[in-house]
Amino acid sequence: MNILGLPSIPMAIAYKERIEIRGEIVLPRSQFERVNRERALA
């Protein structure tokens, strides 16, 4: 899943200046390992 799949994150905001967004995510180790395998195959 990427940021576009998170319904709690707005896809647009009413702010026109430059902005930097930072965040973090917590996921089970099994999902972390799956993501790494998929990235290695890409």
PDB file of N, CA and C in Angstrom:
ATOM      1  N   MET A   1       0.854  -1.173   0.000  1.00  0.00           N
ATOM      2  CA  MET A   1       0.000   0.000   0.000  1.00  0.00           C
ATOM      3  C   MET A   1       0.896   1.231   0.000  1.00  0.00           C
ATOM      4  N   ASN A   2       0.489   2.235  -0.730  1.00  0.00           N
ATOM      5  CA  ASN A   2       1.217   3.491  -0.687  1.00  0.00           C
ATOM      6  C   ASN A   2       0.303   4.592  -0.173  1.00  0.00           C
ATOM      7  N   ILE A   3       0.779   5.792  -0.164  1.00  0.00           N
ATOM      8  CA  ILE A   3       0.039   6.913   0.416  1.00  0.00           C
ATOM      9  C   ILE A   3      -1.331   7.100  -0.238  1.00  0.00           C
ATOM     10  N   LEU A   4      -1.455   6.769  -1.515  1.00  0.00           N
ATOM     11  CA  LEU A   4      -2.740   6.934  -2.201  1.00  0.00           C
ATOM     12  C   LEU A   4      -3.801   5.977  -1.676  1.00  0.00           C
ATOM     13  N   GLY A   5      -3.384   4.925  -1.013  1.00  0.00           N
ATOM     14  CA  GLY A   5      -4.334   3.956  -0.486  1.00  0.00           C
ATOM     15  C   GLY A   5      -4.788   4.224   0.939  1.00  0.00           C
ATOM     16  N   LEU A   6      -4.341   5.320   1.520  1.00  0.00           N
ATOM     17  CA  LEU A   6      -4.725   5.641   2.894  1.00  0.00           C
ATOM     18  C   LEU A   6      -5.852   6.660   2.893  1.00  0.00           C
ATOM     19  N   PRO A   7      -7.071   6.247   3.205  1.00  0.00           N
ATOM     20  CA  PRO A   7      -8.221   7.155   3.115  1.00  0.00           C
ATOM     21  C   PRO A   7      -8.161   8.332   4.080  1.00  0.00           C
ATOM     22  N   SER A   8      -7.377   8.236   5.142  1.00  0.00           N
ATOM     23  CA  SER A   8      -7.303   9.345   6.101  1.00  0.00           C
ATOM     24  C   SER A   8      -6.363  10.461   5.646  1.00  0.00           C
ATOM     25  N   ILE A   9      -5.638  10.256   4.555  1.00  0.00           N
ATOM     26  CA  ILE A   9      -4.721  11.266   4.024  1.00  0.00           C
ATOM     27  C   ILE A   9      -5.402  11.981   2.863  1.00  0.00           C
ATOM     28  N   PRO A  10      -5.604  13.301   2.967  1.00  0.00           N
ATOM     29  CA  PRO A  10      -6.248  14.027   1.865  1.00  0.00           C
ATOM     30  C   PRO A  10      -5.349  14.064   0.631  1.00  0.00           C
ATOM     31  N   MET A  11      -5.942  13.998  -0.539  1.00  0.00           N
ATOM     32  CA  MET A  11      -5.188  14.048  -1.786  1.00  0.00           C
ATOM     33  C   MET A  11      -4.973  15.483  -2.266  1.00  0.00           C
ATOM     34  N   ALA A  12      -5.642  16.434  -1.653  1.00  0.00           N
ATOM     35  CA  ALA A  12      -5.477  17.847  -2.007  1.00  0.00           C
ATOM     36  C   ALA A  12      -5.744  18.693  -0.769  1.00  0.00           C
ATOM     37  N   ILE A  13      -5.052  19.824  -0.684  1.00  0.00           N
ATOM     38  CA  ILE A  13      -5.287  20.775   0.401  1.00  0.00           C
ATOM     39  C   ILE A  13      -5.340  22.179  -0.191  1.00  0.00           C
ATOM     40  N   ALA A  14      -5.955  23.087   0.514  1.00  0.00           N
ATOM     41  CA  ALA A  14      -6.094  24.471   0.040  1.00  0.00           C
ATOM     42  C   ALA A  14      -4.883  25.289   0.485  1.00  0.00           C
ATOM     43  N   TYR A  15      -3.712  24.909   0.009  1.00  0.00           N
ATOM     44  CA  TYR A  15      -2.473  25.606   0.342  1.00  0.00           C
ATOM     45  C   TYR A  15      -1.622  25.632  -0.911  1.00  0.00           C
ATOM     46  N   LYS A  16      -1.285  26.807  -1.390  1.00  0.00           N
ATOM     47  CA  LYS A  16      -0.616  26.921  -2.689  1.00  0.00           C
ATOM     48  C   LYS A  16       0.890  27.151  -2.604  1.00  0.00           C
ATOM     49  N   GLU A  17       1.424  27.388  -1.423  1.00  0.00           N
ATOM     50  CA  GLU A  17       2.862  27.607  -1.283  1.00  0.00           C
ATOM     51  C   GLU A  17       3.595  26.264  -1.235  1.00  0.00           C
ATOM     52  N   ARG A  18       4.911  26.345  -1.241  1.00  0.00           N
ATOM     53  CA  ARG A  18       5.710  25.126  -1.125  1.00  0.00           C
ATOM     54  C   ARG A  18       5.501  24.520   0.265  1.00  0.00           C
ATOM     55  N   ILE A  19       5.403  23.197   0.311  1.00  0.00           N
ATOM     56  CA  ILE A  19       5.153  22.512   1.580  1.00  0.00           C
ATOM     57  C   ILE A  19       5.911  21.186   1.577  1.00  0.00           C
ATOM     58  N   GLU A  20       6.353  20.778   2.734  1.00  0.00           N
ATOM     59  CA  GLU A  20       7.012  19.488   2.885  1.00  0.00           C
ATOM     60  C   GLU A  20       6.207  18.662   3.877  1.00  0.00           C
ATOM     61  N   ILE A  21       5.853  17.463   3.472  1.00  0.00           N
ATOM     62  CA  ILE A  21       5.064  16.564   4.306  1.00  0.00           C
ATOM     63  C   ILE A  21       5.960  15.402   4.731  1.00  0.00           C
ATOM     64  N   ARG A  22       5.958  15.101   6.000  1.00  0.00           N
ATOM     65  CA  ARG A  22       6.731  13.969   6.516  1.00  0.00           C
ATOM     66  C   ARG A  22       5.817  13.073   7.340  1.00  0.00           C
ATOM     67  N   GLY A  23       6.167  11.830   7.425  1.00  0.00           N
ATOM     68  CA  GLY A  23       5.375  10.920   8.234  1.00  0.00           C
ATOM     69  C   GLY A  23       6.092   9.599   8.412  1.00  0.00           C
ATOM     70  N   GLU A  24       5.443   8.731   9.105  1.00  0.00           N
ATOM     71  CA  GLU A  24       5.984   7.397   9.306  1.00  0.00           C
ATOM     72  C   GLU A  24       4.833   6.410   9.329  1.00  0.00           C
ATOM     73  N   ILE A  25       5.178   5.164   9.177  1.00  0.00           N
ATOM     74  CA  ILE A  25       4.168   4.121   9.160  1.00  0.00           C
ATOM     75  C   ILE A  25       4.673   2.937   9.986  1.00  0.00           C
ATOM     76  N   VAL A  26       3.768   2.257  10.607  1.00  0.00           N
ATOM     77  CA  VAL A  26       4.093   1.047  11.363  1.00  0.00           C
ATOM     78  C   VAL A  26       3.387  -0.107  10.669  1.00  0.00           C
ATOM     79  N   LEU A  27       4.133  -1.161  10.355  1.00  0.00           N
ATOM     80  CA  LEU A  27       3.520  -2.316   9.729  1.00  0.00           C
ATOM     81  C   LEU A  27       4.165  -3.580  10.271  1.00  0.00           C
ATOM     82  N   PRO A  28       3.439  -4.676  10.203  1.00  0.00           N
ATOM     83  CA  PRO A  28       3.987  -5.943  10.689  1.00  0.00           C
ATOM     84  C   PRO A  28       5.244  -6.336   9.904  1.00  0.00           C
ATOM     85  N   ARG A  29       6.144  -7.043  10.563  1.00  0.00           N
ATOM     86  CA  ARG A  29       7.389  -7.460   9.914  1.00  0.00           C
ATOM     87  C   ARG A  29       7.115  -8.255   8.637  1.00  0.00           C
ATOM     88  N   SER A  30       6.071  -9.069   8.635  1.00  0.00           N
ATOM     89  CA  SER A  30       5.757  -9.868   7.442  1.00  0.00           C
ATOM     90  C   SER A  30       5.452  -8.970   6.246  1.00  0.00           C
ATOM     91  N   GLN A  31       4.737  -7.886   6.460  1.00  0.00           N
ATOM     92  CA  GLN A  31       4.458  -6.957   5.364  1.00  0.00           C
ATOM     93  C   GLN A  31       5.721  -6.225   4.935  1.00  0.00           C
ATOM     94  N   PHE A  32       6.561  -5.847   5.896  1.00  0.00           N
ATOM     95  CA  PHE A  32       7.830  -5.197   5.587  1.00  0.00           C
ATOM     96  C   PHE A  32       8.687  -6.096   4.698  1.00  0.00           C
ATOM     97  N   GLU A  33       8.774  -7.365   5.050  1.00  0.00           N
ATOM     98  CA  GLU A  33       9.556  -8.310   4.257  1.00  0.00           C
ATOM     99  C   GLU A  33       8.950  -8.506   2.871  1.00  0.00           C
ATOM    100  N   ARG A  34       7.624  -8.537   2.783  1.00  0.00           N
ATOM    101  CA  ARG A  34       6.966  -8.665   1.476  1.00  0.00           C
ATOM    102  C   ARG A  34       7.289  -7.465   0.593  1.00  0.00           C
ATOM    103  N   VAL A  35       7.220  -6.266   1.160  1.00  0.00           N
ATOM    104  CA  VAL A  35       7.535  -5.050   0.401  1.00  0.00           C
ATOM    105  C   VAL A  35       8.974  -5.112  -0.109  1.00  0.00           C
ATOM    106  N   ASN A  36       9.899  -5.537   0.734  1.00  0.00           N
ATOM    107  CA  ASN A  36      11.297  -5.642   0.313  1.00  0.00           C
ATOM    108  C   ASN A  36      11.475  -6.660  -0.807  1.00  0.00           C
ATOM    109  N   ARG A  37      10.785  -7.796  -0.728  1.00  0.00           N
ATOM    110  CA  ARG A  37      10.870  -8.797  -1.805  1.00  0.00           C
ATOM    111  C   ARG A  37      10.343  -8.222  -3.113  1.00  0.00           C
ATOM    112  N   GLU A  38       9.202  -7.536  -3.049  1.00  0.00           N
ATOM    113  CA  GLU A  38       8.613  -6.956  -4.256  1.00  0.00           C
ATOM    114  C   GLU A  38       9.531  -5.900  -4.867  1.00  0.00           C
ATOM    115  N   ARG A  39      10.166  -5.099  -4.032  1.00  0.00           N
ATOM    116  CA  ARG A  39      11.088  -4.077  -4.535  1.00  0.00           C
ATOM    117  C   ARG A  39      12.302  -4.718  -5.188  1.00  0.00           C
ATOM    118  N   ALA A  40      12.782  -5.819  -4.631  1.00  0.00           N
ATOM    119  CA  ALA A  40      13.945  -6.501  -5.193  1.00  0.00           C
ATOM    120  C   ALA A  40      13.633  -7.086  -6.568  1.00  0.00           C
ATOM    121  N   LEU A  41      12.388  -7.499  -6.774  1.00  0.00           N
ATOM    122  CA  LEU A  41      11.989  -8.084  -8.059  1.00  0.00           C
ATOM    123  C   LEU A  41      11.685  -7.032  -9.123  1.00  0.00           C
ATOM    124  N   ALA A  42      11.440  -5.809  -8.705  1.00  0.00           N
ATOM    125  CA  ALA A  42      11.059  -4.737  -9.652  1.00  0.00           C
ATOM    126  C   ALA A  42      12.247  -4.257 -10.455  1.00  0.00           C
TER     127      ALA A  42
END
